[in-house]
């Protein structure tokens, strides 16, 4: 687990994501989601190190913060949103085999 990943909730989501000066990849996840914990979560941790200083990685536990799940229409997990200047730029549902490439391209495009 990277100490560069921000774990956001209802109280600090807007400051961490919408008001960020850099692009933000948000990983909406839940403790009971196997793909979230074994595939996407570790990948987001790696990206936090790789893109440190250029993009932020934020994780939101939708079980602990259901209002954020409702606010961003999270219907399946994992779900990732790429924000830039407070707006959603790209969305990824699920964890396909090429998830590393897909997410890397999302972030690179926003930089």
PDB file of N, CA and C in Angstrom:
ATOM      1  N   UNK A   1       0.842  -1.181   0.000  1.00  0.00           N
ATOM      2  CA  UNK A   1       0.000   0.000   0.000  1.00  0.00           C
ATOM      3  C   UNK A   1       0.888   1.247   0.000  1.00  0.00           C
ATOM      4  N   UNK A   2       0.598   2.164  -0.896  1.00  0.00           N
ATOM      5  CA  UNK A   2       1.403   3.377  -1.021  1.00  0.00           C
ATOM      6  C   UNK A   2       0.906   4.467  -0.081  1.00  0.00           C
ATOM      7  N   UNK A   3       1.835   5.162   0.544  1.00  0.00           N
ATOM      8  CA  UNK A   3       1.454   6.287   1.394  1.00  0.00           C
ATOM      9  C   UNK A   3       1.126   7.521   0.554  1.00  0.00           C
ATOM     10  N   UNK A   4       1.281   7.417  -0.757  1.00  0.00           N
ATOM     11  CA  UNK A   4       0.969   8.521  -1.654  1.00  0.00           C
ATOM     12  C   UNK A   4      -0.488   8.489  -2.128  1.00  0.00           C
ATOM     13  N   UNK A   5      -1.203   7.402  -1.841  1.00  0.00           N
ATOM     14  CA  UNK A   5      -2.620   7.294  -2.184  1.00  0.00           C
ATOM     15  C   UNK A   5      -3.422   8.037  -1.122  1.00  0.00           C
ATOM     16  N   UNK A   6      -4.376   8.823  -1.575  1.00  0.00           N
ATOM     17  CA  UNK A   6      -5.264   9.554  -0.675  1.00  0.00           C
ATOM     18  C   UNK A   6      -6.535   8.730  -0.496  1.00  0.00           C
ATOM     19  N   UNK A   7      -6.932   8.503   0.744  1.00  0.00           N
ATOM     20  CA  UNK A   7      -8.188   7.815   1.041  1.00  0.00           C
ATOM     21  C   UNK A   7      -9.204   8.889   1.410  1.00  0.00           C
ATOM     22  N   UNK A   8     -10.122   9.142   0.497  1.00  0.00           N
ATOM     23  CA  UNK A   8     -11.064  10.247   0.669  1.00  0.00           C
ATOM     24  C   UNK A   8     -12.443   9.739   1.075  1.00  0.00           C
ATOM     25  N   UNK A   9     -13.154  10.614   1.756  1.00  0.00           N
ATOM     26  CA  UNK A   9     -14.523  10.344   2.165  1.00  0.00           C
ATOM     27  C   UNK A   9     -15.386  11.564   1.894  1.00  0.00           C
ATOM     28  N   UNK A  10     -16.580  11.557   2.465  1.00  0.00           N
ATOM     29  CA  UNK A  10     -17.532  12.648   2.241  1.00  0.00           C
ATOM     30  C   UNK A  10     -16.942  14.016   2.595  1.00  0.00           C
ATOM     31  N   UNK A  11     -16.208  14.088   3.684  1.00  0.00           N
ATOM     32  CA  UNK A  11     -15.731  15.375   4.199  1.00  0.00           C
ATOM     33  C   UNK A  11     -14.593  15.983   3.376  1.00  0.00           C
ATOM     34  N   UNK A  12     -13.781  15.142   2.745  1.00  0.00           N
ATOM     35  CA  UNK A  12     -12.606  15.690   2.068  1.00  0.00           C
ATOM     36  C   UNK A  12     -12.515  15.378   0.572  1.00  0.00           C
ATOM     37  N   UNK A  13     -13.548  14.764  -0.009  1.00  0.00           N
ATOM     38  CA  UNK A  13     -13.512  14.399  -1.417  1.00  0.00           C
ATOM     39  C   UNK A  13     -13.345  15.625  -2.323  1.00  0.00           C
ATOM     40  N   UNK A  14     -14.153  16.646  -2.121  1.00  0.00           N
ATOM     41  CA  UNK A  14     -14.091  17.816  -3.005  1.00  0.00           C
ATOM     42  C   UNK A  14     -12.715  18.467  -2.982  1.00  0.00           C
ATOM     43  N   UNK A  15     -12.123  18.600  -1.808  1.00  0.00           N
ATOM     44  CA  UNK A  15     -10.795  19.205  -1.698  1.00  0.00           C
ATOM     45  C   UNK A  15      -9.731  18.318  -2.347  1.00  0.00           C
ATOM     46  N   UNK A  16      -9.822  17.014  -2.144  1.00  0.00           N
ATOM     47  CA  UNK A  16      -8.816  16.092  -2.659  1.00  0.00           C
ATOM     48  C   UNK A  16      -8.931  15.869  -4.164  1.00  0.00           C
ATOM     49  N   UNK A  17     -10.154  15.945  -4.694  1.00  0.00           N
ATOM     50  CA  UNK A  17     -10.377  15.583  -6.089  1.00  0.00           C
ATOM     51  C   UNK A  17     -10.792  16.778  -6.945  1.00  0.00           C
ATOM     52  N   UNK A  18     -11.914  17.368  -6.618  1.00  0.00           N
ATOM     53  CA  UNK A  18     -12.481  18.409  -7.481  1.00  0.00           C
ATOM     54  C   UNK A  18     -11.656  19.690  -7.496  1.00  0.00           C
ATOM     55  N   UNK A  19     -10.958  19.969  -6.408  1.00  0.00           N
ATOM     56  CA  UNK A  19     -10.161  21.186  -6.321  1.00  0.00           C
ATOM     57  C   UNK A  19      -8.672  20.931  -6.573  1.00  0.00           C
ATOM     58  N   UNK A  20      -8.341  19.734  -6.991  1.00  0.00           N
ATOM     59  CA  UNK A  20      -6.939  19.384  -7.229  1.00  0.00           C
ATOM     60  C   UNK A  20      -6.396  20.121  -8.460  1.00  0.00           C
ATOM     61  N   UNK A  21      -5.180  20.658  -8.348  1.00  0.00           N
ATOM     62  CA  UNK A  21      -4.571  21.309  -9.509  1.00  0.00           C
ATOM     63  C   UNK A  21      -4.045  20.311 -10.545  1.00  0.00           C
ATOM     64  N   UNK A  22      -3.927  19.054 -10.156  1.00  0.00           N
ATOM     65  CA  UNK A  22      -3.444  18.026 -11.075  1.00  0.00           C
ATOM     66  C   UNK A  22      -4.556  17.008 -11.338  1.00  0.00           C
ATOM     67  N   UNK A  23      -4.428  16.212 -12.402  1.00  0.00           N
ATOM     68  CA  UNK A  23      -5.429  15.168 -12.665  1.00  0.00           C
ATOM     69  C   UNK A  23      -5.507  14.184 -11.496  1.00  0.00           C
ATOM     70  N   UNK A  24      -6.699  13.609 -11.316  1.00  0.00           N
ATOM     71  CA  UNK A  24      -6.927  12.683 -10.205  1.00  0.00           C
ATOM     72  C   UNK A  24      -7.629  11.428 -10.718  1.00  0.00           C
ATOM     73  N   UNK A  25      -7.047  10.276 -10.429  1.00  0.00           N
ATOM     74  CA  UNK A  25      -7.699   9.001 -10.706  1.00  0.00           C
ATOM     75  C   UNK A  25      -8.355   8.545  -9.416  1.00  0.00           C
ATOM     76  N   UNK A  26      -9.679   8.366  -9.455  1.00  0.00           N
ATOM     77  CA  UNK A  26     -10.421   7.939  -8.271  1.00  0.00           C
ATOM     78  C   UNK A  26     -10.857   6.493  -8.442  1.00  0.00           C
ATOM     79  N   UNK A  27     -10.465   5.669  -7.481  1.00  0.00           N
ATOM     80  CA  UNK A  27     -10.812   4.249  -7.444  1.00  0.00           C
ATOM     81  C   UNK A  27     -11.948   4.073  -6.449  1.00  0.00           C
ATOM     82  N   UNK A  28     -13.169   3.837  -6.963  1.00  0.00           N
ATOM     83  CA  UNK A  28     -14.311   3.525  -6.106  1.00  0.00           C
ATOM     84  C   UNK A  28     -14.282   2.016  -5.887  1.00  0.00           C
ATOM     85  N   UNK A  29     -14.231   1.603  -4.628  1.00  0.00           N
ATOM     86  CA  UNK A  29     -14.056   0.202  -4.293  1.00  0.00           C
ATOM     87  C   UNK A  29     -14.853  -0.139  -3.032  1.00  0.00           C
ATOM     88  N   UNK A  30     -14.867  -1.430  -2.685  1.00  0.00           N
ATOM     89  CA  UNK A  30     -15.478  -1.907  -1.438  1.00  0.00           C
ATOM     90  C   UNK A  30     -14.682  -3.099  -0.940  1.00  0.00           C
ATOM     91  N   UNK A  31     -14.662  -3.303   0.363  1.00  0.00           N
ATOM     92  CA  UNK A  31     -13.879  -4.400   0.952  1.00  0.00           C
ATOM     93  C   UNK A  31     -14.278  -5.789   0.445  1.00  0.00           C
ATOM     94  N   UNK A  32     -15.514  -5.967   0.029  1.00  0.00           N
ATOM     95  CA  UNK A  32     -15.996  -7.271  -0.420  1.00  0.00           C
ATOM     96  C   UNK A  32     -15.744  -7.521  -1.916  1.00  0.00           C
ATOM     97  N   UNK A  33     -15.140  -6.577  -2.623  1.00  0.00           N
ATOM     98  CA  UNK A  33     -14.917  -6.683  -4.071  1.00  0.00           C
ATOM     99  C   UNK A  33     -13.539  -7.294  -4.342  1.00  0.00           C
ATOM    100  N   UNK A  34     -13.477  -8.556  -4.814  1.00  0.00           N
ATOM    101  CA  UNK A  34     -12.182  -9.203  -5.024  1.00  0.00           C
ATOM    102  C   UNK A  34     -11.301  -8.483  -6.058  1.00  0.00           C
ATOM    103  N   UNK A  35     -11.867  -8.059  -7.169  1.00  0.00           N
ATOM    104  CA  UNK A  35     -11.071  -7.369  -8.197  1.00  0.00           C
ATOM    105  C   UNK A  35     -10.531  -6.041  -7.678  1.00  0.00           C
ATOM    106  N   UNK A  36     -11.305  -5.404  -6.817  1.00  0.00           N
ATOM    107  CA  UNK A  36     -10.865  -4.133  -6.234  1.00  0.00           C
ATOM    108  C   UNK A  36      -9.606  -4.342  -5.393  1.00  0.00           C
ATOM    109  N   UNK A  37      -9.615  -5.394  -4.604  1.00  0.00           N
ATOM    110  CA  UNK A  37      -8.532  -5.627  -3.663  1.00  0.00           C
ATOM    111  C   UNK A  37      -7.299  -6.267  -4.292  1.00  0.00           C
ATOM    112  N   UNK A  38      -7.496  -7.142  -5.269  1.00  0.00           N
ATOM    113  CA  UNK A  38      -6.357  -7.894  -5.792  1.00  0.00           C
ATOM    114  C   UNK A  38      -5.784  -7.353  -7.098  1.00  0.00           C
ATOM    115  N   UNK A  39      -6.581  -6.627  -7.868  1.00  0.00           N
ATOM    116  CA  UNK A  39      -6.106  -6.130  -9.167  1.00  0.00           C
ATOM    117  C   UNK A  39      -5.985  -4.612  -9.171  1.00  0.00           C
ATOM    118  N   UNK A  40      -7.100  -3.936  -8.994  1.00  0.00           N
ATOM    119  CA  UNK A  40      -7.124  -2.479  -9.151  1.00  0.00           C
ATOM    120  C   UNK A  40      -6.418  -1.766  -8.000  1.00  0.00           C
ATOM    121  N   UNK A  41      -6.673  -2.162  -6.774  1.00  0.00           N
ATOM    122  CA  UNK A  41      -6.057  -1.499  -5.622  1.00  0.00           C
ATOM    123  C   UNK A  41      -4.543  -1.463  -5.692  1.00  0.00           C
ATOM    124  N   UNK A  42      -3.888  -2.615  -5.891  1.00  0.00           N
ATOM    125  CA  UNK A  42      -2.430  -2.606  -6.005  1.00  0.00           C
ATOM    126  C   UNK A  42      -1.932  -1.784  -7.202  1.00  0.00           C
ATOM    127  N   UNK A  43      -2.686  -1.788  -8.291  1.00  0.00           N
ATOM    128  CA  UNK A  43      -2.295  -1.011  -9.460  1.00  0.00           C
ATOM    129  C   UNK A  43      -2.364   0.493  -9.169  1.00  0.00           C
ATOM    130  N   UNK A  44      -3.404   0.913  -8.465  1.00  0.00           N
ATOM    131  CA  UNK A  44      -3.524   2.324  -8.080  1.00  0.00           C
ATOM    132  C   UNK A  44      -2.364   2.711  -7.158  1.00  0.00           C
ATOM    133  N   UNK A  45      -1.977   1.809  -6.269  1.00  0.00           N
ATOM    134  CA  UNK A  45      -0.817   2.061  -5.406  1.00  0.00           C
ATOM    135  C   UNK A  45       0.449   2.266  -6.247  1.00  0.00           C
ATOM    136  N   UNK A  46       0.642   1.434  -7.255  1.00  0.00           N
ATOM    137  CA  UNK A  46       1.817   1.557  -8.121  1.00  0.00           C
ATOM    138  C   UNK A  46       1.779   2.874  -8.900  1.00  0.00           C
ATOM    139  N   UNK A  47       0.607   3.230  -9.409  1.00  0.00           N
ATOM    140  CA  UNK A  47       0.471   4.490 -10.146  1.00  0.00           C
ATOM    141  C   UNK A  47       0.732   5.693  -9.244  1.00  0.00           C
ATOM    142  N   UNK A  48       0.382   5.586  -7.969  1.00  0.00           N
ATOM    143  CA  UNK A  48       0.634   6.689  -7.034  1.00  0.00           C
ATOM    144  C   UNK A  48       2.128   6.977  -6.952  1.00  0.00           C
ATOM    145  N   UNK A  49       2.928   5.942  -6.975  1.00  0.00           N
ATOM    146  CA  UNK A  49       4.385   6.108  -6.956  1.00  0.00           C
ATOM    147  C   UNK A  49       4.884   6.616  -8.315  1.00  0.00           C
ATOM    148  N   UNK A  50       4.393   6.007  -9.370  1.00  0.00           N
ATOM    149  CA  UNK A  50       4.843   6.329 -10.728  1.00  0.00           C
ATOM    150  C   UNK A  50       4.512   7.769 -11.134  1.00  0.00           C
ATOM    151  N   UNK A  51       3.329   8.245 -10.758  1.00  0.00           N
ATOM    152  CA  UNK A  51       2.875   9.576 -11.171  1.00  0.00           C
ATOM    153  C   UNK A  51       2.987  10.619 -10.057  1.00  0.00           C
ATOM    154  N   UNK A  52       3.729  10.292  -9.012  1.00  0.00           N
ATOM    155  CA  UNK A  52       3.876  11.202  -7.874  1.00  0.00           C
ATOM    156  C   UNK A  52       4.316  12.596  -8.346  1.00  0.00           C
ATOM    157  N   UNK A  53       3.569  13.613  -7.917  1.00  0.00           N
ATOM    158  CA  UNK A  53       3.884  14.988  -8.287  1.00  0.00           C
ATOM    159  C   UNK A  53       3.238  15.435  -9.585  1.00  0.00           C
ATOM    160  N   UNK A  54       2.687  14.476 -10.347  1.00  0.00           N
ATOM    161  CA  UNK A  54       2.056  14.832 -11.623  1.00  0.00           C
ATOM    162  C   UNK A  54       0.571  14.549 -11.640  1.00  0.00           C
ATOM    163  N   UNK A  55       0.141  13.525 -10.906  1.00  0.00           N
ATOM    164  CA  UNK A  55      -1.271  13.147 -10.820  1.00  0.00           C
ATOM    165  C   UNK A  55      -1.522  12.537  -9.450  1.00  0.00           C
ATOM    166  N   UNK A  56      -2.745  12.668  -8.982  1.00  0.00           N
ATOM    167  CA  UNK A  56      -3.127  12.098  -7.681  1.00  0.00           C
ATOM    168  C   UNK A  56      -3.903  10.812  -7.878  1.00  0.00           C
ATOM    169  N   UNK A  57      -3.747   9.899  -6.921  1.00  0.00           N
ATOM    170  CA  UNK A  57      -4.524   8.670  -6.877  1.00  0.00           C
ATOM    171  C   UNK A  57      -5.344   8.710  -5.589  1.00  0.00           C
ATOM    172  N   UNK A  58      -6.643   8.544  -5.734  1.00  0.00           N
ATOM    173  CA  UNK A  58      -7.556   8.620  -4.597  1.00  0.00           C
ATOM    174  C   UNK A  58      -8.403   7.357  -4.569  1.00  0.00           C
ATOM    175  N   UNK A  59      -8.576   6.803  -3.378  1.00  0.00           N
ATOM    176  CA  UNK A  59      -9.452   5.648  -3.196  1.00  0.00           C
ATOM    177  C   UNK A  59     -10.640   6.057  -2.334  1.00  0.00           C
ATOM    178  N   UNK A  60     -11.825   5.590  -2.750  1.00  0.00           N
ATOM    179  CA  UNK A  60     -13.056   5.851  -1.999  1.00  0.00           C
ATOM    180  C   UNK A  60     -13.731   4.516  -1.721  1.00  0.00           C
ATOM    181  N   UNK A  61     -13.847   4.173  -0.451  1.00  0.00           N
ATOM    182  CA  UNK A  61     -14.573   2.972  -0.023  1.00  0.00           C
ATOM    183  C   UNK A  61     -16.056   3.324  -0.025  1.00  0.00           C
ATOM    184  N   UNK A  62     -16.795   2.811  -1.024  1.00  0.00           N
ATOM    185  CA  UNK A  62     -18.212   3.180  -1.154  1.00  0.00           C
ATOM    186  C   UNK A  62     -19.083   2.522  -0.088  1.00  0.00           C
ATOM    187  N   UNK A  63     -18.559   1.517   0.566  1.00  0.00           N
ATOM    188  CA  UNK A  63     -19.316   0.936   1.680  1.00  0.00           C
ATOM    189  C   UNK A  63     -19.270   1.880   2.881  1.00  0.00           C
ATOM    190  N   UNK A  64     -18.131   2.485   3.119  1.00  0.00           N
ATOM    191  CA  UNK A  64     -17.975   3.436   4.217  1.00  0.00           C
ATOM    192  C   UNK A  64     -18.532   4.818   3.861  1.00  0.00           C
ATOM    193  N   UNK A  65     -18.558   5.129   2.560  1.00  0.00           N
ATOM    194  CA  UNK A  65     -19.017   6.451   2.093  1.00  0.00           C
ATOM    195  C   UNK A  65     -20.033   6.288   0.965  1.00  0.00           C
ATOM    196  N   UNK A  66     -21.219   5.728   1.288  1.00  0.00           N
ATOM    197  CA  UNK A  66     -22.211   5.448   0.242  1.00  0.00           C
ATOM    198  C   UNK A  66     -22.702   6.701  -0.489  1.00  0.00           C
ATOM    199  N   UNK A  67     -22.681   7.849   0.173  1.00  0.00           N
ATOM    200  CA  UNK A  67     -23.145   9.069  -0.496  1.00  0.00           C
ATOM    201  C   UNK A  67     -22.279   9.421  -1.701  1.00  0.00           C
ATOM    202  N   UNK A  68     -20.988   9.137  -1.630  1.00  0.00           N
ATOM    203  CA  UNK A  68     -20.120   9.387  -2.780  1.00  0.00           C
ATOM    204  C   UNK A  68     -20.427   8.412  -3.914  1.00  0.00           C
ATOM    205  N   UNK A  69     -20.766   7.191  -3.568  1.00  0.00           N
ATOM    206  CA  UNK A  69     -21.183   6.228  -4.583  1.00  0.00           C
ATOM    207  C   UNK A  69     -22.439   6.678  -5.299  1.00  0.00           C
ATOM    208  N   UNK A  70     -23.371   7.207  -4.538  1.00  0.00           N
ATOM    209  CA  UNK A  70     -24.618   7.728  -5.123  1.00  0.00           C
ATOM    210  C   UNK A  70     -24.325   8.966  -5.961  1.00  0.00           C
ATOM    211  N   UNK A  71     -23.536   9.865  -5.422  1.00  0.00           N
ATOM    212  CA  UNK A  71     -23.214  11.122  -6.105  1.00  0.00           C
ATOM    213  C   UNK A  71     -22.589  10.896  -7.480  1.00  0.00           C
ATOM    214  N   UNK A  72     -21.747   9.857  -7.593  1.00  0.00           N
ATOM    215  CA  UNK A  72     -21.055   9.595  -8.855  1.00  0.00           C
ATOM    216  C   UNK A  72     -21.612   8.377  -9.588  1.00  0.00           C
ATOM    217  N   UNK A  73     -22.815   7.973  -9.199  1.00  0.00           N
ATOM    218  CA  UNK A  73     -23.555   6.935  -9.911  1.00  0.00           C
ATOM    219  C   UNK A  73     -22.760   5.631 -10.047  1.00  0.00           C
ATOM    220  N   UNK A  74     -22.146   5.221  -8.948  1.00  0.00           N
ATOM    221  CA  UNK A  74     -21.379   3.972  -8.943  1.00  0.00           C
ATOM    222  C   UNK A  74     -22.380   2.812  -8.903  1.00  0.00           C
ATOM    223  N   UNK A  75     -22.393   2.034  -9.979  1.00  0.00           N
ATOM    224  CA  UNK A  75     -23.346   0.931 -10.107  1.00  0.00           C
ATOM    225  C   UNK A  75     -22.670  -0.437 -10.071  1.00  0.00           C
ATOM    226  N   UNK A  76     -21.372  -0.461 -10.346  1.00  0.00           N
ATOM    227  CA  UNK A  76     -20.618  -1.716 -10.283  1.00  0.00           C
ATOM    228  C   UNK A  76     -19.198  -1.389  -9.845  1.00  0.00           C
ATOM    229  N   UNK A  77     -18.530  -2.386  -9.309  1.00  0.00           N
ATOM    230  CA  UNK A  77     -17.172  -2.201  -8.813  1.00  0.00           C
ATOM    231  C   UNK A  77     -16.235  -3.211  -9.460  1.00  0.00           C
ATOM    232  N   UNK A  78     -15.000  -2.860  -9.644  1.00  0.00           N
ATOM    233  CA  UNK A  78     -14.442  -1.534  -9.417  1.00  0.00           C
ATOM    234  C   UNK A  78     -14.904  -0.542 -10.491  1.00  0.00           C
ATOM    235  N   UNK A  79     -14.905   0.725 -10.106  1.00  0.00           N
ATOM    236  CA  UNK A  79     -15.200   1.807 -11.040  1.00  0.00           C
ATOM    237  C   UNK A  79     -14.169   2.896 -10.808  1.00  0.00           C
ATOM    238  N   UNK A  80     -13.569   3.363 -11.880  1.00  0.00           N
ATOM    239  CA  UNK A  80     -12.548   4.403 -11.779  1.00  0.00           C
ATOM    240  C   UNK A  80     -12.953   5.602 -12.619  1.00  0.00           C
ATOM    241  N   UNK A  81     -12.792   6.783 -12.043  1.00  0.00           N
ATOM    242  CA  UNK A  81     -13.069   8.032 -12.748  1.00  0.00           C
ATOM    243  C   UNK A  81     -11.787   8.848 -12.780  1.00  0.00           C
ATOM    244  N   UNK A  82     -11.514   9.446 -13.919  1.00  0.00           N
ATOM    245  CA  UNK A  82     -10.369  10.335 -14.061  1.00  0.00           C
ATOM    246  C   UNK A  82     -10.910  11.762 -14.101  1.00  0.00           C
ATOM    247  N   UNK A  83     -10.501  12.572 -13.131  1.00  0.00           N
ATOM    248  CA  UNK A  83     -10.931  13.971 -13.032  1.00  0.00           C
ATOM    249  C   UNK A  83      -9.798  14.897 -13.457  1.00  0.00           C
ATOM    250  N   UNK A  84     -10.164  15.968 -14.138  1.00  0.00           N
ATOM    251  CA  UNK A  84      -9.231  17.038 -14.444  1.00  0.00           C
ATOM    252  C   UNK A  84     -10.015  18.343 -14.343  1.00  0.00           C
ATOM    253  N   UNK A  85      -9.467  19.286 -13.610  1.00  0.00           N
ATOM    254  CA  UNK A  85     -10.136  20.570 -13.391  1.00  0.00           C
ATOM    255  C   UNK A  85     -11.550  20.383 -12.846  1.00  0.00           C
ATOM    256  N   UNK A  86     -11.713  19.389 -11.968  1.00  0.00           N
ATOM    257  CA  UNK A  86     -12.990  19.160 -11.306  1.00  0.00           C
ATOM    258  C   UNK A  86     -14.043  18.465 -12.133  1.00  0.00           C
ATOM    259  N   UNK A  87     -13.697  18.038 -13.343  1.00  0.00           N
ATOM    260  CA  UNK A  87     -14.654  17.391 -14.247  1.00  0.00           C
ATOM    261  C   UNK A  87     -14.198  15.971 -14.584  1.00  0.00           C
ATOM    262  N   UNK A  88     -15.166  15.071 -14.737  1.00  0.00           N
ATOM    263  CA  UNK A  88     -14.844  13.704 -15.143  1.00  0.00           C
ATOM    264  C   UNK A  88     -14.399  13.721 -16.601  1.00  0.00           C
ATOM    265  N   UNK A  89     -13.226  13.182 -16.848  1.00  0.00           N
ATOM    266  CA  UNK A  89     -12.669  13.120 -18.201  1.00  0.00           C
ATOM    267  C   UNK A  89     -12.776  11.719 -18.812  1.00  0.00           C
ATOM    268  N   UNK A  90     -12.762  10.687 -17.950  1.00  0.00           N
ATOM    269  CA  UNK A  90     -12.810   9.308 -18.444  1.00  0.00           C
ATOM    270  C   UNK A  90     -13.337   8.401 -17.332  1.00  0.00           C
ATOM    271  N   UNK A  91     -13.933   7.283 -17.749  1.00  0.00           N
ATOM    272  CA  UNK A  91     -14.507   6.309 -16.820  1.00  0.00           C
ATOM    273  C   UNK A  91     -14.066   4.910 -17.230  1.00  0.00           C
ATOM    274  N   UNK A  92     -13.747   4.092 -16.226  1.00  0.00           N
ATOM    275  CA  UNK A  92     -13.420   2.683 -16.468  1.00  0.00           C
ATOM    276  C   UNK A  92     -14.223   1.827 -15.502  1.00  0.00           C
ATOM    277  N   UNK A  93     -15.027   0.911 -16.051  1.00  0.00           N
ATOM    278  CA  UNK A  93     -15.776  -0.041 -15.239  1.00  0.00           C
ATOM    279  C   UNK A  93     -15.069  -1.383 -15.295  1.00  0.00           C
ATOM    280  N   UNK A  94     -14.939  -2.029 -14.159  1.00  0.00           N
ATOM    281  CA  UNK A  94     -14.370  -3.358 -14.124  1.00  0.00           C
ATOM    282  C   UNK A  94     -12.853  -3.355 -14.267  1.00  0.00           C
ATOM    283  N   UNK A  95     -12.305  -4.568 -14.341  1.00  0.00           N
ATOM    284  CA  UNK A  95     -10.853  -4.737 -14.415  1.00  0.00           C
ATOM    285  C   UNK A  95     -10.501  -5.707 -15.541  1.00  0.00           C
ATOM    286  N   UNK A  96     -10.543  -5.213 -16.793  1.00  0.00           N
ATOM    287  CA  UNK A  96     -10.183  -6.095 -17.911  1.00  0.00           C
ATOM    288  C   UNK A  96      -8.700  -6.468 -17.869  1.00  0.00           C
ATOM    289  N   UNK A  97      -8.302  -7.413 -18.656  1.00  0.00           N
ATOM    290  CA  UNK A  97      -6.916  -7.880 -18.667  1.00  0.00           C
ATOM    291  C   UNK A  97      -5.903  -6.789 -18.972  1.00  0.00           C
ATOM    292  N   UNK A  98      -6.316  -5.777 -19.717  1.00  0.00           N
ATOM    293  CA  UNK A  98      -5.399  -4.685 -20.078  1.00  0.00           C
ATOM    294  C   UNK A  98      -5.595  -3.446 -19.200  1.00  0.00           C
ATOM    295  N   UNK A  99      -6.035  -3.640 -17.979  1.00  0.00           N
ATOM    296  CA  UNK A  99      -6.369  -2.522 -17.090  1.00  0.00           C
ATOM    297  C   UNK A  99      -5.182  -1.585 -16.863  1.00  0.00           C
ATOM    298  N   UNK A 100      -3.970  -2.119 -16.742  1.00  0.00           N
ATOM    299  CA  UNK A 100      -2.794  -1.278 -16.525  1.00  0.00           C
ATOM    300  C   UNK A 100      -2.625  -0.306 -17.696  1.00  0.00           C
ATOM    301  N   UNK A 101      -2.746  -0.797 -18.911  1.00  0.00           N
ATOM    302  CA  UNK A 101      -2.601   0.034 -20.103  1.00  0.00           C
ATOM    303  C   UNK A 101      -3.727   1.062 -20.184  1.00  0.00           C
ATOM    304  N   UNK A 102      -4.955   0.622 -19.963  1.00  0.00           N
ATOM    305  CA  UNK A 102      -6.117   1.512 -20.053  1.00  0.00           C
ATOM    306  C   UNK A 102      -5.993   2.666 -19.062  1.00  0.00           C
ATOM    307  N   UNK A 103      -5.694   2.354 -17.820  1.00  0.00           N
ATOM    308  CA  UNK A 103      -5.588   3.410 -16.801  1.00  0.00           C
ATOM    309  C   UNK A 103      -4.390   4.318 -17.067  1.00  0.00           C
ATOM    310  N   UNK A 104      -3.270   3.740 -17.476  1.00  0.00           N
ATOM    311  CA  UNK A 104      -2.097   4.546 -17.803  1.00  0.00           C
ATOM    312  C   UNK A 104      -2.393   5.534 -18.922  1.00  0.00           C
ATOM    313  N   UNK A 105      -3.120   5.077 -19.934  1.00  0.00           N
ATOM    314  CA  UNK A 105      -3.493   5.960 -21.040  1.00  0.00           C
ATOM    315  C   UNK A 105      -4.448   7.054 -20.575  1.00  0.00           C
ATOM    316  N   UNK A 106      -5.380   6.716 -19.682  1.00  0.00           N
ATOM    317  CA  UNK A 106      -6.303   7.726 -19.144  1.00  0.00           C
ATOM    318  C   UNK A 106      -5.527   8.839 -18.441  1.00  0.00           C
ATOM    319  N   UNK A 107      -4.583   8.434 -17.605  1.00  0.00           N
ATOM    320  CA  UNK A 107      -3.802   9.416 -16.836  1.00  0.00           C
ATOM    321  C   UNK A 107      -2.909  10.229 -17.774  1.00  0.00           C
ATOM    322  N   UNK A 108      -2.200   9.547 -18.663  1.00  0.00           N
ATOM    323  CA  UNK A 108      -1.278  10.231 -19.579  1.00  0.00           C
ATOM    324  C   UNK A 108      -2.006  11.261 -20.441  1.00  0.00           C
ATOM    325  N   UNK A 109      -3.201  10.929 -20.876  1.00  0.00           N
ATOM    326  CA  UNK A 109      -3.978  11.848 -21.712  1.00  0.00           C
ATOM    327  C   UNK A 109      -4.339  13.124 -20.937  1.00  0.00           C
ATOM    328  N   UNK A 110      -4.552  12.990 -19.637  1.00  0.00           N
ATOM    329  CA  UNK A 110      -4.953  14.134 -18.810  1.00  0.00           C
ATOM    330  C   UNK A 110      -3.781  15.013 -18.400  1.00  0.00           C
ATOM    331  N   UNK A 111      -2.570  14.488 -18.526  1.00  0.00           N
ATOM    332  CA  UNK A 111      -1.390  15.268 -18.112  1.00  0.00           C
ATOM    333  C   UNK A 111      -1.043  16.365 -19.107  1.00  0.00           C
TER     334      UNK A 111
END
